[in-house]
Structure formats: structure tokens, C-alpha cells
């Protein structure tokens, strides 16, 4: 019986040692990438933005990257906008392949996959998409005005709180003749002076 106990203990120790070796072999061989742009509540006006991250090292052991985009930080199935997508190890950017909705918060994350198909942990961040700008209806850009009190008309934008109308003699709007905040319920403004 004593020999059996020693044998059992020795076998258990050997199995634990093998398990430890296997865990060590399964460790990821590359560093985690980190999102660089857009990140940290930045406002983007491109509705198919380019996501960028730092490169994982060492490159010799890097297999690829994976990127994912969602409407919620939990990345639950119902909020996924872009499913997990593989990106070449030679790229540190990814153009979102769908048009994102305006005035929304989006979360994105990236991870590296090494040559043994072991993945790093995800690193995540978020950004916001801007409200789309209104489209001018009249007067047409560059049109000659026949009145000193022209009317300006535009198509409204969903989720707008207000509009700011600026009129300038200069392309760069260095100075303005009109700088007026207008209610979001209106899509028209007529100069009064």
C-alpha cells in the first residue's frame, strides 16, 4: 500500500508538471495591440472611419489581428455592428465596412493572434459619430442674390438641437455678416437687417 501511495503521488506530480508545461506553451507570444484612433470619446464625421492601433511585437510571432465594432461596451450579439474580422499582420488599421449611423456611440476592440493561434486579450475604446450636416436648399452656392434680405432654407437633420447659420464675404469665414442660432424646428431663416 505504501508503494501505491508513492506511485499515485509521483503520477499526480508528473501530470501536474505536464499540465504546467502545456499552459506555458499555450501562452501568447506577442504583445497586445492598443487602439490609437479614434479613441476616448472623440467625435468623428466619417461614417466609415478607419480604426488604427499600435503594432504587436515581435512581428515574427504575429499571425494576424482581429477587430470588432459594437453599439455597446459588452459587445453582446444584439449590439454587434462589425463581427470579429481578421486583419493581416502587416496592417495596423481597418476601414469599417458599413456606414455607421450618425449621432451614436460606437465601441471597437482589437486583439492579436500569434502564429500558434493563441489570442491576446482585447483592448477596447469608443468614439461618437457626428450629427450629419444639413443640406442647403436655397440659395444655391455661389448664386447672385436679388435681395438685401435673402431667405436661407435647408433640409433638417434628425437629432439636431439647433442650427447655426453663418454668412460671410470670405470663403474661410474669417469674419461673418450673420452668425445666428436657429431653432431645430425651423429649416428656414430670413435676414431681417
N, C-alpha and C. Protein backbone atom coordinates (compact mmCIF):
# COMPACT_ATOMS: atom_id res chain seq x y z
N UNK A 1 0.81 -1.20 0.00
CA UNK A 1 0.00 0.00 0.00
C UNK A 1 0.85 1.25 0.00
N UNK A 2 1.92 1.26 0.73
CA UNK A 2 2.80 2.42 0.78
C UNK A 2 3.41 2.71 -0.58
N UNK A 3 3.75 1.60 -1.32
CA UNK A 3 4.30 1.78 -2.67
C UNK A 3 3.26 2.37 -3.60
N UNK A 4 2.00 1.96 -3.42
CA UNK A 4 0.92 2.50 -4.28
C UNK A 4 0.75 3.99 -4.02
N UNK A 5 0.80 4.43 -2.75
CA UNK A 5 0.66 5.85 -2.43
C UNK A 5 1.79 6.67 -3.06
N UNK A 6 3.00 6.17 -2.96
CA UNK A 6 4.14 6.86 -3.56
C UNK A 6 3.96 6.93 -5.07
N UNK A 7 3.52 5.82 -5.67
CA UNK A 7 3.29 5.79 -7.11
C UNK A 7 2.20 6.80 -7.50
N UNK A 8 1.11 6.86 -6.73
CA UNK A 8 0.00 7.78 -7.02
C UNK A 8 0.46 9.23 -6.89
N UNK A 9 1.25 9.51 -5.85
CA UNK A 9 1.74 10.87 -5.64
C UNK A 9 2.69 11.27 -6.77
N UNK A 10 3.57 10.34 -7.15
CA UNK A 10 4.51 10.60 -8.23
C UNK A 10 3.77 10.83 -9.55
N UNK A 11 2.75 10.02 -9.83
CA UNK A 11 1.96 10.17 -11.06
C UNK A 11 1.22 11.50 -11.06
N UNK A 12 0.64 11.86 -9.92
CA UNK A 12 -0.08 13.12 -9.80
C UNK A 12 0.87 14.29 -10.04
N UNK A 13 2.07 14.23 -9.45
CA UNK A 13 3.07 15.28 -9.62
C UNK A 13 3.49 15.40 -11.08
N UNK A 14 3.70 14.28 -11.75
CA UNK A 14 4.08 14.29 -13.16
C UNK A 14 2.97 14.89 -14.03
N UNK A 15 1.73 14.53 -13.75
CA UNK A 15 0.60 15.08 -14.52
C UNK A 15 0.48 16.58 -14.31
N UNK A 16 0.68 17.05 -13.09
CA UNK A 16 0.63 18.49 -12.82
C UNK A 16 1.76 19.19 -13.56
N UNK A 17 2.95 18.57 -13.59
CA UNK A 17 4.08 19.17 -14.30
C UNK A 17 3.80 19.27 -15.79
N UNK A 18 3.23 18.22 -16.37
CA UNK A 18 2.88 18.24 -17.79
C UNK A 18 1.84 19.33 -18.05
N UNK A 19 0.85 19.45 -17.17
CA UNK A 19 -0.18 20.48 -17.33
C UNK A 19 0.45 21.86 -17.29
N UNK A 20 1.41 22.09 -16.37
CA UNK A 20 2.09 23.38 -16.28
C UNK A 20 2.87 23.68 -17.56
N UNK A 21 3.52 22.67 -18.11
CA UNK A 21 4.26 22.84 -19.36
C UNK A 21 3.31 23.21 -20.49
N UNK A 22 2.17 22.53 -20.56
CA UNK A 22 1.19 22.82 -21.61
C UNK A 22 0.65 24.23 -21.47
N UNK A 23 0.39 24.69 -20.27
CA UNK A 23 -0.08 26.05 -20.05
C UNK A 23 0.98 27.04 -20.49
N UNK A 24 2.24 26.75 -20.18
CA UNK A 24 3.33 27.63 -20.58
C UNK A 24 3.44 27.68 -22.10
N UNK A 25 3.32 26.55 -22.77
CA UNK A 25 3.41 26.51 -24.23
C UNK A 25 2.25 27.29 -24.86
N UNK A 26 1.07 27.27 -24.22
CA UNK A 26 -0.10 27.94 -24.77
C UNK A 26 -0.10 29.45 -24.54
N UNK A 27 0.88 29.99 -23.83
CA UNK A 27 0.95 31.42 -23.57
C UNK A 27 1.13 32.17 -24.88
N UNK A 28 0.50 33.32 -24.97
CA UNK A 28 0.58 34.12 -26.19
C UNK A 28 2.01 34.64 -26.38
N UNK A 29 2.44 34.66 -27.62
CA UNK A 29 3.82 35.00 -27.94
C UNK A 29 4.01 36.47 -28.35
N UNK A 30 2.91 37.24 -28.43
CA UNK A 30 3.01 38.63 -28.89
C UNK A 30 2.34 39.57 -27.89
N UNK A 31 2.69 40.84 -27.99
CA UNK A 31 2.09 41.84 -27.10
C UNK A 31 0.69 42.24 -27.59
N UNK A 32 -0.09 42.80 -26.67
CA UNK A 32 -1.43 43.27 -27.02
C UNK A 32 -1.31 44.54 -27.85
N UNK A 33 -2.11 44.68 -28.91
CA UNK A 33 -2.17 45.95 -29.62
C UNK A 33 -3.02 46.93 -28.80
N UNK A 34 -2.84 48.21 -29.02
CA UNK A 34 -3.64 49.23 -28.31
C UNK A 34 -4.29 50.16 -29.34
N UNK A 35 -5.59 50.41 -29.21
CA UNK A 35 -6.26 51.35 -30.13
C UNK A 35 -5.60 52.73 -30.04
N UNK A 36 -5.38 53.34 -31.20
CA UNK A 36 -4.79 54.69 -31.22
C UNK A 36 -5.75 55.73 -31.81
N UNK A 37 -6.65 55.30 -32.72
CA UNK A 37 -7.55 56.27 -33.35
C UNK A 37 -8.71 55.56 -34.03
N UNK A 38 -9.91 56.05 -33.91
CA UNK A 38 -10.36 57.04 -32.93
C UNK A 38 -10.52 56.38 -31.58
N UNK A 39 -10.36 57.17 -30.53
CA UNK A 39 -10.49 56.63 -29.18
C UNK A 39 -10.86 57.73 -28.20
N UNK A 40 -11.38 57.32 -27.07
CA UNK A 40 -11.62 58.24 -25.97
C UNK A 40 -12.68 59.29 -26.22
N UNK A 41 -13.82 58.89 -26.70
CA UNK A 41 -14.97 59.78 -26.86
C UNK A 41 -14.76 60.83 -27.95
N UNK A 42 -13.84 60.61 -28.86
CA UNK A 42 -13.61 61.56 -29.95
C UNK A 42 -14.83 61.56 -30.88
N UNK A 43 -15.12 62.71 -31.47
CA UNK A 43 -16.23 62.85 -32.40
C UNK A 43 -15.71 62.68 -33.82
N UNK A 44 -16.27 61.74 -34.58
CA UNK A 44 -15.85 61.51 -35.96
C UNK A 44 -16.95 61.93 -36.92
N UNK A 45 -16.55 62.46 -38.05
CA UNK A 45 -17.51 62.88 -39.08
C UNK A 45 -17.51 61.95 -40.27
N UNK A 46 -16.61 60.97 -40.26
CA UNK A 46 -16.56 59.95 -41.31
C UNK A 46 -17.38 58.77 -40.82
N UNK A 47 -18.40 58.39 -41.56
CA UNK A 47 -19.31 57.34 -41.11
C UNK A 47 -18.82 55.94 -41.51
N UNK A 48 -17.66 55.86 -42.16
CA UNK A 48 -16.93 54.61 -42.37
C UNK A 48 -15.49 54.87 -41.93
N UNK A 49 -15.30 55.10 -40.63
CA UNK A 49 -13.97 55.53 -40.15
C UNK A 49 -12.91 54.45 -40.28
N UNK A 50 -11.67 54.90 -40.25
CA UNK A 50 -10.52 53.99 -40.23
C UNK A 50 -10.09 53.83 -38.78
N UNK A 51 -10.09 52.59 -38.31
CA UNK A 51 -9.66 52.27 -36.95
C UNK A 51 -8.17 51.95 -37.00
N UNK A 52 -7.40 52.52 -36.06
CA UNK A 52 -5.95 52.32 -36.05
C UNK A 52 -5.50 51.86 -34.67
N UNK A 53 -4.43 51.04 -34.65
CA UNK A 53 -3.89 50.53 -33.40
C UNK A 53 -2.38 50.39 -33.49
N UNK A 54 -1.74 50.24 -32.33
CA UNK A 54 -0.30 50.02 -32.28
C UNK A 54 0.02 48.59 -32.68
N UNK A 55 1.18 48.39 -33.26
CA UNK A 55 1.59 47.06 -33.72
C UNK A 55 1.98 46.18 -32.54
N UNK A 56 1.63 44.91 -32.65
CA UNK A 56 2.07 43.92 -31.66
C UNK A 56 3.50 43.49 -31.99
N UNK A 57 4.23 43.11 -30.96
CA UNK A 57 5.61 42.66 -31.16
C UNK A 57 5.82 41.35 -30.42
N UNK A 58 6.79 40.54 -30.82
CA UNK A 58 7.60 40.66 -32.03
C UNK A 58 6.81 40.22 -33.26
N UNK A 59 7.04 40.88 -34.37
CA UNK A 59 6.31 40.62 -35.61
C UNK A 59 6.51 39.20 -36.12
N UNK A 60 7.66 38.60 -35.83
CA UNK A 60 7.95 37.23 -36.32
C UNK A 60 6.95 36.21 -35.76
N UNK A 61 6.38 36.48 -34.59
CA UNK A 61 5.44 35.55 -33.98
C UNK A 61 3.97 35.97 -34.16
N UNK A 62 3.75 37.08 -34.84
CA UNK A 62 2.40 37.59 -35.05
C UNK A 62 1.75 36.88 -36.23
N UNK A 63 0.53 36.40 -36.02
CA UNK A 63 -0.22 35.74 -37.10
C UNK A 63 -1.16 36.70 -37.79
N UNK A 64 -1.96 37.44 -37.00
CA UNK A 64 -2.93 38.40 -37.55
C UNK A 64 -3.50 39.21 -36.40
N UNK A 65 -4.43 40.10 -36.77
CA UNK A 65 -5.20 40.86 -35.78
C UNK A 65 -6.66 40.52 -35.97
N UNK A 66 -7.47 40.79 -34.95
CA UNK A 66 -8.92 40.69 -35.06
C UNK A 66 -9.52 41.98 -34.55
N UNK A 67 -10.55 42.46 -35.26
CA UNK A 67 -11.22 43.72 -34.92
C UNK A 67 -12.71 43.45 -34.83
N UNK A 68 -13.38 44.20 -33.95
CA UNK A 68 -14.84 44.07 -33.80
C UNK A 68 -15.41 45.43 -33.41
N UNK A 69 -16.62 45.74 -33.90
CA UNK A 69 -17.30 47.01 -33.60
C UNK A 69 -18.70 46.71 -33.10
N UNK A 70 -19.12 47.46 -32.06
CA UNK A 70 -20.45 47.26 -31.48
C UNK A 70 -21.03 48.59 -30.98
N UNK A 71 -22.33 48.57 -30.67
CA UNK A 71 -23.00 49.74 -30.12
C UNK A 71 -22.98 49.77 -28.60
N UNK A 72 -22.38 48.76 -27.98
CA UNK A 72 -22.38 48.66 -26.52
C UNK A 72 -21.04 48.07 -26.08
N UNK A 73 -20.58 48.49 -24.91
CA UNK A 73 -19.27 48.04 -24.42
C UNK A 73 -19.25 46.55 -24.07
N UNK A 74 -20.41 45.93 -23.94
CA UNK A 74 -20.46 44.49 -23.64
C UNK A 74 -20.20 43.63 -24.88
N UNK A 75 -20.32 44.24 -26.05
CA UNK A 75 -20.16 43.54 -27.32
C UNK A 75 -21.10 42.33 -27.39
N UNK A 76 -22.30 42.49 -26.83
CA UNK A 76 -23.29 41.41 -26.89
C UNK A 76 -23.77 41.25 -28.33
N UNK A 77 -24.25 40.07 -28.66
CA UNK A 77 -24.62 39.74 -30.03
C UNK A 77 -25.58 40.75 -30.66
N UNK A 78 -26.54 41.24 -29.88
CA UNK A 78 -27.54 42.17 -30.41
C UNK A 78 -26.96 43.54 -30.77
N UNK A 79 -25.77 43.86 -30.24
CA UNK A 79 -25.20 45.19 -30.48
C UNK A 79 -24.05 45.18 -31.49
N UNK A 80 -23.71 44.03 -32.02
CA UNK A 80 -22.57 43.92 -32.95
C UNK A 80 -22.90 44.61 -34.27
N UNK A 81 -22.00 45.49 -34.70
CA UNK A 81 -22.12 46.19 -35.98
C UNK A 81 -21.19 45.55 -37.00
N UNK A 82 -19.98 45.24 -36.58
CA UNK A 82 -19.00 44.53 -37.42
C UNK A 82 -18.55 43.31 -36.61
N UNK A 83 -18.83 42.10 -37.11
CA UNK A 83 -18.42 40.90 -36.37
C UNK A 83 -16.89 40.78 -36.33
N UNK A 84 -16.39 39.86 -35.52
CA UNK A 84 -14.94 39.67 -35.44
C UNK A 84 -14.39 39.45 -36.84
N UNK A 85 -13.45 40.30 -37.23
CA UNK A 85 -12.91 40.29 -38.58
C UNK A 85 -11.38 40.18 -38.52
N UNK A 86 -10.83 39.26 -39.28
CA UNK A 86 -9.37 39.09 -39.32
C UNK A 86 -8.73 40.17 -40.18
N UNK A 87 -7.59 40.66 -39.72
CA UNK A 87 -6.82 41.69 -40.42
C UNK A 87 -5.38 41.19 -40.52
N UNK A 88 -4.77 41.39 -41.67
CA UNK A 88 -3.39 40.96 -41.90
C UNK A 88 -2.44 41.49 -40.83
N UNK A 89 -1.43 40.69 -40.50
CA UNK A 89 -0.44 41.12 -39.51
C UNK A 89 0.36 42.33 -39.99
N UNK A 90 0.34 42.61 -41.29
CA UNK A 90 1.08 43.74 -41.85
C UNK A 90 0.28 45.04 -41.81
N UNK A 91 -0.94 44.99 -41.32
CA UNK A 91 -1.78 46.18 -41.24
C UNK A 91 -2.04 46.54 -39.79
N UNK A 92 -2.08 47.82 -39.50
CA UNK A 92 -2.48 48.28 -38.17
C UNK A 92 -3.64 49.26 -38.31
N UNK A 93 -4.48 49.00 -39.31
CA UNK A 93 -5.68 49.81 -39.50
C UNK A 93 -6.74 48.98 -40.19
N UNK A 94 -7.97 49.44 -40.06
CA UNK A 94 -9.13 48.72 -40.60
C UNK A 94 -10.21 49.74 -40.90
N UNK A 95 -10.70 49.76 -42.14
CA UNK A 95 -11.79 50.66 -42.51
C UNK A 95 -13.11 49.94 -42.21
N UNK A 96 -13.96 50.58 -41.40
CA UNK A 96 -15.25 49.98 -41.06
C UNK A 96 -16.02 49.77 -42.37
N UNK A 97 -16.44 48.53 -42.67
CA UNK A 97 -17.03 48.22 -43.97
C UNK A 97 -18.52 48.55 -44.11
N UNK A 98 -19.12 49.11 -43.07
CA UNK A 98 -20.53 49.51 -43.13
C UNK A 98 -20.64 50.98 -42.76
N UNK A 99 -21.69 51.63 -43.24
CA UNK A 99 -21.91 53.03 -42.89
C UNK A 99 -22.55 53.09 -41.51
N UNK A 100 -21.87 53.77 -40.59
CA UNK A 100 -22.37 53.90 -39.23
C UNK A 100 -23.46 54.97 -39.16
N UNK A 101 -24.34 54.83 -38.21
CA UNK A 101 -25.40 55.82 -38.01
C UNK A 101 -24.83 57.08 -37.38
N UNK A 102 -25.39 58.24 -37.73
CA UNK A 102 -24.93 59.49 -37.11
C UNK A 102 -25.44 59.59 -35.66
N UNK A 103 -24.78 60.43 -34.90
CA UNK A 103 -25.17 60.75 -33.52
C UNK A 103 -25.25 59.51 -32.63
N UNK A 104 -24.27 58.63 -32.76
CA UNK A 104 -24.25 57.39 -31.96
C UNK A 104 -22.88 57.21 -31.32
N UNK A 105 -22.85 56.39 -30.27
CA UNK A 105 -21.60 56.00 -29.63
C UNK A 105 -21.29 54.58 -30.11
N UNK A 106 -20.05 54.36 -30.54
CA UNK A 106 -19.61 53.04 -31.00
C UNK A 106 -18.38 52.62 -30.22
N UNK A 107 -18.31 51.34 -29.94
CA UNK A 107 -17.18 50.74 -29.25
C UNK A 107 -16.45 49.85 -30.24
N UNK A 108 -15.13 49.87 -30.17
CA UNK A 108 -14.37 48.95 -31.03
C UNK A 108 -13.22 48.37 -30.22
N UNK A 109 -12.83 47.17 -30.64
CA UNK A 109 -11.75 46.50 -29.94
C UNK A 109 -10.88 45.74 -30.93
N UNK A 110 -9.65 45.49 -30.48
CA UNK A 110 -8.67 44.81 -31.33
C UNK A 110 -7.87 43.84 -30.44
N UNK A 111 -7.44 42.74 -31.03
CA UNK A 111 -6.54 41.81 -30.36
C UNK A 111 -5.62 41.19 -31.40
N UNK A 112 -4.50 40.66 -30.92
CA UNK A 112 -3.55 39.99 -31.79
C UNK A 112 -3.73 38.48 -31.68
N UNK A 113 -3.38 37.79 -32.75
CA UNK A 113 -3.40 36.33 -32.77
C UNK A 113 -1.98 35.90 -33.17
N UNK A 114 -1.34 35.07 -32.34
CA UNK A 114 0.02 34.69 -32.67
C UNK A 114 0.05 33.52 -33.65
N UNK A 115 1.24 33.10 -34.02
CA UNK A 115 1.40 32.03 -35.02
C UNK A 115 0.85 30.69 -34.55
N UNK A 116 0.64 30.52 -33.25
CA UNK A 116 0.05 29.29 -32.71
C UNK A 116 -1.46 29.42 -32.53
N UNK A 117 -2.03 30.51 -33.06
CA UNK A 117 -3.46 30.80 -32.96
C UNK A 117 -3.92 31.10 -31.53
N UNK A 118 -2.99 31.56 -30.70
CA UNK A 118 -3.33 31.98 -29.34
C UNK A 118 -3.58 33.49 -29.40
N UNK A 119 -4.69 33.91 -28.80
CA UNK A 119 -5.12 35.31 -28.89
C UNK A 119 -4.74 36.09 -27.63
N UNK A 120 -4.37 37.37 -27.83
CA UNK A 120 -4.18 38.26 -26.68
C UNK A 120 -5.55 38.65 -26.15
N UNK A 121 -5.57 39.33 -25.03
CA UNK A 121 -6.82 39.89 -24.55
C UNK A 121 -7.21 41.04 -25.48
N UNK A 122 -8.51 41.36 -25.51
CA UNK A 122 -8.99 42.50 -26.29
C UNK A 122 -8.55 43.80 -25.62
N UNK A 123 -8.28 44.83 -26.41
CA UNK A 123 -8.16 46.19 -25.90
C UNK A 123 -9.24 46.99 -26.62
N UNK A 124 -10.01 47.76 -25.85
CA UNK A 124 -11.19 48.41 -26.41
C UNK A 124 -11.20 49.91 -26.12
N UNK A 125 -11.96 50.62 -26.93
CA UNK A 125 -12.19 52.05 -26.75
C UNK A 125 -13.51 52.39 -27.42
N UNK A 126 -13.84 53.68 -27.47
CA UNK A 126 -15.08 54.08 -28.12
C UNK A 126 -14.93 55.44 -28.78
N UNK A 127 -15.88 55.78 -29.62
CA UNK A 127 -15.93 57.08 -30.29
C UNK A 127 -17.39 57.40 -30.56
N UNK A 128 -17.64 58.64 -30.94
CA UNK A 128 -19.01 59.07 -31.28
C UNK A 128 -19.04 59.52 -32.74
N UNK A 129 -20.16 59.29 -33.40
CA UNK A 129 -20.33 59.81 -34.76
C UNK A 129 -21.11 61.11 -34.66
N UNK A 130 -20.74 62.05 -35.51
CA UNK A 130 -21.36 63.37 -35.50
C UNK A 130 -22.75 63.34 -36.13
N UNK A 131 -23.53 64.34 -35.79
CA UNK A 131 -24.81 64.55 -36.47
C UNK A 131 -24.46 64.97 -37.89
N UNK A 132 -25.17 64.43 -38.87
CA UNK A 132 -24.89 64.81 -40.26
C UNK A 132 -25.25 66.28 -40.47
N UNK A 133 -24.49 66.99 -41.30
CA UNK A 133 -24.80 68.40 -41.55
C UNK A 133 -26.07 68.54 -42.39
N UNK A 134 -26.79 69.64 -42.21
CA UNK A 134 -27.97 69.87 -43.04
C UNK A 134 -27.54 70.15 -44.48
N UNK A 135 -28.44 69.93 -45.42
CA UNK A 135 -28.15 70.25 -46.82
C UNK A 135 -28.87 71.53 -47.20
N UNK A 136 -28.15 72.42 -47.83
CA UNK A 136 -28.69 73.70 -48.24
C UNK A 136 -29.66 73.52 -49.40
N UNK A 137 -30.83 74.13 -49.28
CA UNK A 137 -31.83 74.09 -50.35
C UNK A 137 -31.73 75.37 -51.18
N UNK A 138 -31.71 76.53 -50.50
CA UNK A 138 -31.58 77.79 -51.22
C UNK A 138 -31.03 78.86 -50.29
N UNK A 139 -30.33 79.84 -50.81
CA UNK A 139 -29.96 79.98 -52.22
C UNK A 139 -28.85 79.00 -52.58
N UNK A 140 -28.72 78.73 -53.85
CA UNK A 140 -27.67 77.82 -54.32
C UNK A 140 -26.29 78.41 -54.02
N UNK A 141 -25.34 77.56 -53.81
CA UNK A 141 -23.98 78.01 -53.55
C UNK A 141 -23.49 78.87 -54.70
N UNK A 142 -23.01 80.07 -54.39
CA UNK A 142 -22.48 80.97 -55.40
C UNK A 142 -23.53 81.76 -56.16
N UNK A 143 -24.81 81.62 -55.80
CA UNK A 143 -25.89 82.32 -56.51
C UNK A 143 -25.82 83.83 -56.24
N UNK A 144 -26.21 84.62 -57.24
CA UNK A 144 -26.32 86.07 -57.08
C UNK A 144 -27.64 86.36 -56.37
N UNK A 145 -27.58 87.12 -55.29
CA UNK A 145 -28.78 87.41 -54.51
C UNK A 145 -29.45 88.67 -55.06
N UNK A 146 -30.76 88.62 -55.20
CA UNK A 146 -31.53 89.73 -55.74
C UNK A 146 -32.15 90.58 -54.63
N UNK A 147 -31.87 90.23 -53.39
CA UNK A 147 -32.45 90.95 -52.27
C UNK A 147 -31.38 91.17 -51.21
N UNK A 148 -31.52 92.26 -50.46
CA UNK A 148 -30.61 92.52 -49.35
C UNK A 148 -31.01 91.72 -48.11
N UNK A 149 -32.18 91.09 -48.19
CA UNK A 149 -32.69 90.28 -47.08
C UNK A 149 -33.09 88.89 -47.61
N UNK A 150 -32.11 88.13 -48.02
CA UNK A 150 -32.43 86.82 -48.60
C UNK A 150 -32.94 85.84 -47.54
N UNK A 151 -33.63 84.83 -48.01
CA UNK A 151 -34.06 83.72 -47.15
C UNK A 151 -33.12 82.55 -47.38
N UNK A 152 -32.77 81.89 -46.31
CA UNK A 152 -31.94 80.70 -46.37
C UNK A 152 -32.79 79.52 -45.95
N UNK A 153 -32.72 78.44 -46.74
CA UNK A 153 -33.53 77.27 -46.45
C UNK A 153 -32.65 76.02 -46.54
N UNK A 154 -32.90 75.08 -45.65
CA UNK A 154 -32.11 73.85 -45.61
C UNK A 154 -33.00 72.68 -45.20
N UNK A 155 -32.53 71.48 -45.53
CA UNK A 155 -33.21 70.26 -45.08
C UNK A 155 -32.74 69.95 -43.67
N UNK A 156 -33.68 69.68 -42.79
CA UNK A 156 -33.36 69.42 -41.39
C UNK A 156 -32.60 68.12 -41.19
N UNK A 157 -32.06 67.98 -40.00
CA UNK A 157 -31.26 66.82 -39.63
C UNK A 157 -31.87 66.18 -38.39
N UNK A 158 -32.03 64.88 -38.42
CA UNK A 158 -32.53 64.13 -37.28
C UNK A 158 -31.61 64.33 -36.08
N UNK A 159 -32.16 64.55 -34.92
CA UNK A 159 -31.43 64.71 -33.66
C UNK A 159 -30.71 66.04 -33.50
N UNK A 160 -30.98 67.00 -34.38
CA UNK A 160 -30.35 68.31 -34.22
C UNK A 160 -31.05 69.06 -33.09
N UNK A 161 -30.27 69.76 -32.26
CA UNK A 161 -30.83 70.60 -31.19
C UNK A 161 -31.11 72.00 -31.70
N UNK A 162 -30.25 72.47 -32.59
CA UNK A 162 -30.40 73.80 -33.19
C UNK A 162 -29.49 73.86 -34.41
N UNK A 163 -29.61 74.95 -35.14
CA UNK A 163 -28.75 75.19 -36.31
C UNK A 163 -28.05 76.52 -36.11
N UNK A 164 -26.85 76.64 -36.65
CA UNK A 164 -26.14 77.92 -36.65
C UNK A 164 -25.94 78.32 -38.11
N UNK A 165 -26.51 79.45 -38.46
CA UNK A 165 -26.37 79.98 -39.81
C UNK A 165 -25.29 81.04 -39.79
N UNK A 166 -24.31 80.87 -40.67
CA UNK A 166 -23.24 81.86 -40.80
C UNK A 166 -23.17 82.32 -42.25
N UNK A 167 -23.08 83.62 -42.43
CA UNK A 167 -22.92 84.21 -43.77
C UNK A 167 -21.67 85.06 -43.73
N UNK A 168 -20.83 84.92 -44.75
CA UNK A 168 -19.58 85.67 -44.79
C UNK A 168 -19.27 86.06 -46.23
N UNK A 169 -18.50 87.11 -46.35
CA UNK A 169 -18.00 87.52 -47.66
C UNK A 169 -16.77 86.70 -48.05
N UNK A 170 -16.21 85.98 -47.08
CA UNK A 170 -14.95 85.30 -47.28
C UNK A 170 -15.12 83.79 -47.19
N UNK A 171 -14.45 83.10 -48.07
CA UNK A 171 -14.52 81.64 -48.13
C UNK A 171 -14.14 80.98 -46.81
N UNK A 172 -13.14 81.49 -46.15
CA UNK A 172 -12.67 80.92 -44.89
C UNK A 172 -13.49 81.35 -43.68
N UNK A 173 -14.51 82.17 -43.88
CA UNK A 173 -15.36 82.67 -42.80
C UNK A 173 -14.54 83.32 -41.69
N UNK A 174 -13.50 84.11 -42.11
CA UNK A 174 -12.67 84.83 -41.14
C UNK A 174 -13.51 85.82 -40.36
N UNK A 175 -14.43 86.46 -41.03
CA UNK A 175 -15.42 87.34 -40.39
C UNK A 175 -16.79 86.96 -40.93
N UNK A 176 -17.81 87.18 -40.14
CA UNK A 176 -19.16 86.82 -40.57
C UNK A 176 -20.06 88.04 -40.57
N UNK A 177 -20.97 88.06 -41.54
CA UNK A 177 -22.02 89.08 -41.60
C UNK A 177 -23.22 88.64 -40.76
N UNK A 178 -23.43 87.34 -40.73
CA UNK A 178 -24.51 86.75 -39.94
C UNK A 178 -23.93 85.57 -39.17
N UNK A 179 -24.28 85.47 -37.90
CA UNK A 179 -23.91 84.34 -37.06
C UNK A 179 -25.09 84.11 -36.13
N UNK A 180 -26.06 83.33 -36.60
CA UNK A 180 -27.36 83.23 -35.93
C UNK A 180 -27.67 81.78 -35.54
N UNK A 181 -28.08 81.57 -34.29
CA UNK A 181 -28.54 80.27 -33.84
C UNK A 181 -30.05 80.21 -34.07
N UNK A 182 -30.50 79.10 -34.66
CA UNK A 182 -31.90 78.96 -35.07
C UNK A 182 -32.46 77.67 -34.49
N UNK A 183 -33.69 77.69 -34.09
CA UNK A 183 -34.37 76.54 -33.51
C UNK A 183 -34.31 75.34 -34.45
N UNK A 184 -34.22 74.15 -33.87
CA UNK A 184 -34.16 72.92 -34.66
C UNK A 184 -35.47 72.65 -35.38
N UNK A 185 -36.56 73.28 -34.95
CA UNK A 185 -37.86 73.06 -35.60
C UNK A 185 -37.98 73.83 -36.90
N UNK A 186 -37.06 74.75 -37.14
CA UNK A 186 -37.10 75.56 -38.36
C UNK A 186 -36.08 75.08 -39.37
N UNK A 187 -36.40 75.20 -40.62
CA UNK A 187 -35.47 74.89 -41.69
C UNK A 187 -35.32 76.10 -42.61
N UNK A 188 -35.62 77.28 -42.05
CA UNK A 188 -35.60 78.50 -42.87
C UNK A 188 -35.28 79.70 -41.99
N UNK A 189 -34.56 80.65 -42.59
CA UNK A 189 -34.25 81.89 -41.88
C UNK A 189 -34.15 83.01 -42.91
N UNK A 190 -34.80 84.13 -42.62
CA UNK A 190 -34.74 85.30 -43.49
C UNK A 190 -34.04 86.41 -42.74
N UNK A 191 -33.06 87.03 -43.40
CA UNK A 191 -32.34 88.14 -42.78
C UNK A 191 -33.31 89.28 -42.52
N UNK A 192 -33.19 89.90 -41.36
CA UNK A 192 -34.10 90.98 -41.01
C UNK A 192 -33.46 92.34 -41.09
N UNK A 193 -32.15 92.42 -41.14
CA UNK A 193 -31.48 93.72 -41.24
C UNK A 193 -30.52 93.74 -42.39
